[in-house]
Amino acid sequence: QVQLVESGGGLAQPGGSLRLSCAASGFTFSSYRMAWYRQAPGKERELVAAISSVNGVTNHADSVKGRFTISRDNGKKTVYLQMNSLKPEDTAVYYCNARRFSVDSWGKGTLVTVSS
């Protein structure tokens, strides 16, 4: 059974940094594409960044390029999202996603609030 547990959210000031972690269990982590999505109040869930199962190829949404970095540690079965230069518009619930053969699994999310 796929389990994904996010951590690292909280309150940050504009220009600050946070690092999100997603601990995975119950599946062959290295075989899954991993991603971070976010959903702001009143908006649809959107892809923030993804990292492939093979070679760790990454892609980031235009809105976070140069500020956020996704990475994974297959030995620790963990995916990370390093968030720098945070902006108020980054405020959202951030969800960890695992995908294989077009089947998605989700964590419960962690809230990130960017405010002074």
Protein backbone atom coordinates (compact mmCIF):
# COMPACT_ATOMS: atom_id res chain seq x y z
CA GLN A 1 0.00 0.00 0.00
CA VAL A 2 1.45 3.33 -1.08
CA GLN A 3 1.97 5.76 1.78
CA LEU A 4 3.30 9.28 1.38
CA VAL A 5 3.89 11.55 4.35
CA GLU A 6 4.82 15.18 3.81
CA SER A 7 6.64 17.36 6.32
CA GLY A 8 8.46 20.68 6.47
CA GLY A 9 5.63 23.10 5.82
CA GLY A 10 4.97 26.15 7.93
CA LEU A 11 5.18 29.90 7.98
CA ALA A 12 7.93 31.69 6.07
CA GLN A 13 8.60 35.33 5.33
CA PRO A 14 8.78 36.60 1.77
CA GLY A 15 12.27 35.90 0.49
CA GLY A 16 12.70 33.06 2.93
CA SER A 17 13.24 29.34 2.43
CA LEU A 18 11.62 26.07 3.37
CA ARG A 19 12.45 22.47 2.59
CA LEU A 20 9.64 19.99 2.17
CA SER A 21 10.17 16.26 2.55
CA CYS A 22 7.99 13.35 1.52
CA ALA A 23 8.69 9.98 3.10
CA ALA A 24 7.45 7.07 1.03
CA SER A 25 6.67 3.50 1.97
CA GLY A 26 4.80 0.48 0.70
CA PHE A 27 6.10 0.50 -2.87
CA THR A 28 9.27 0.34 -4.94
CA PHE A 29 10.15 4.00 -4.63
CA SER A 30 12.88 4.02 -7.27
CA SER A 31 10.41 2.85 -9.93
CA TYR A 32 8.00 5.74 -9.51
CA ARG A 33 7.96 9.22 -10.89
CA MET A 34 7.67 11.57 -7.93
CA ALA A 35 6.25 15.06 -7.91
CA TRP A 36 5.07 17.97 -5.82
CA TYR A 37 1.76 19.66 -6.52
CA ARG A 38 0.15 22.57 -4.73
CA GLN A 39 -3.32 23.93 -4.29
CA ALA A 40 -3.99 27.49 -3.19
CA PRO A 41 -7.37 28.52 -1.74
CA GLY A 42 -9.95 28.77 -4.49
CA LYS A 43 -7.61 27.43 -7.15
CA GLU A 44 -7.04 24.12 -8.87
CA ARG A 45 -4.21 21.83 -7.92
CA GLU A 46 -1.15 22.48 -10.06
CA LEU A 47 2.12 20.70 -10.74
CA VAL A 48 5.08 22.37 -9.09
CA ALA A 49 7.91 20.00 -9.96
CA ALA A 50 8.51 16.39 -10.95
CA ILE A 51 11.45 14.01 -11.01
CA SER A 52 11.63 10.88 -13.09
CA SER A 53 12.26 7.38 -11.83
CA VAL A 54 15.17 6.89 -14.21
CA ASN A 55 18.14 9.26 -14.25
CA GLY A 56 16.34 11.74 -12.00
CA VAL A 57 15.34 14.07 -14.82
CA THR A 58 13.46 17.04 -13.39
CA ASN A 59 11.00 19.60 -14.59
CA HIS A 60 9.72 22.64 -12.76
CA ALA A 61 6.75 24.90 -13.36
CA ASP A 62 7.67 28.24 -14.88
CA SER A 63 6.38 30.00 -11.78
CA VAL A 64 9.02 28.33 -9.58
CA LYS A 65 11.97 27.88 -11.94
CA GLY A 66 15.16 29.20 -10.43
CA ARG A 67 13.61 29.26 -6.94
CA PHE A 68 12.48 25.69 -6.20
CA THR A 69 14.42 22.46 -6.68
CA ILE A 70 13.05 18.93 -6.54
CA SER A 71 15.34 16.04 -5.63
CA ARG A 72 15.09 12.45 -4.48
CA ASP A 73 17.04 10.01 -2.37
CA ASN A 74 16.12 6.47 -3.44
CA GLY A 75 18.02 4.96 -0.53
CA LYS A 76 15.94 6.94 1.95
CA LYS A 77 12.75 6.66 -0.13
CA THR A 78 12.30 10.39 0.19
CA VAL A 79 11.61 13.22 -2.22
CA TYR A 80 12.42 16.82 -1.36
CA LEU A 81 11.38 20.25 -2.49
CA GLN A 82 13.82 23.03 -1.65
CA MET A 83 11.98 26.33 -1.83
CA ASN A 84 13.96 29.57 -1.89
CA SER A 85 13.00 33.18 -2.48
CA LEU A 86 9.47 32.42 -1.37
CA LYS A 87 6.66 34.73 -2.43
CA PRO A 88 3.20 35.26 -0.93
CA GLU A 89 1.74 33.61 -4.04
CA ASP A 90 3.53 30.39 -3.09
CA THR A 91 1.08 30.02 -0.21
CA ALA A 92 -0.73 26.71 -0.68
CA VAL A 93 -1.10 23.18 0.52
CA TYR A 94 1.71 21.16 -1.02
CA TYR A 95 1.06 17.55 -1.93
CA CYS A 96 3.46 14.74 -2.64
CA ASN A 97 2.57 12.54 -5.62
CA ALA A 98 3.78 9.14 -6.74
CA ARG A 99 2.95 7.96 -10.26
CA ARG A 100 3.53 4.75 -12.17
CA PHE A 101 1.65 3.56 -15.26
CA SER A 102 -0.60 6.64 -14.97
CA VAL A 103 -1.79 5.61 -11.49
CA ASP A 104 -1.48 8.41 -8.94
CA SER A 105 -1.09 8.22 -5.19
CA TRP A 106 -1.18 11.26 -2.92
CA GLY A 107 -0.07 12.36 0.48
CA LYS A 108 -2.33 14.39 2.75
CA GLY A 109 -0.44 17.61 2.15
CA THR A 110 1.49 20.16 4.15
CA LEU A 111 0.55 23.82 4.41
CA VAL A 112 3.03 26.48 3.36
CA THR A 113 2.19 30.07 4.25
CA VAL A 114 4.34 32.92 3.02
CA SER A 115 3.57 36.13 4.84
CA SER A 116 5.27 38.95 6.69
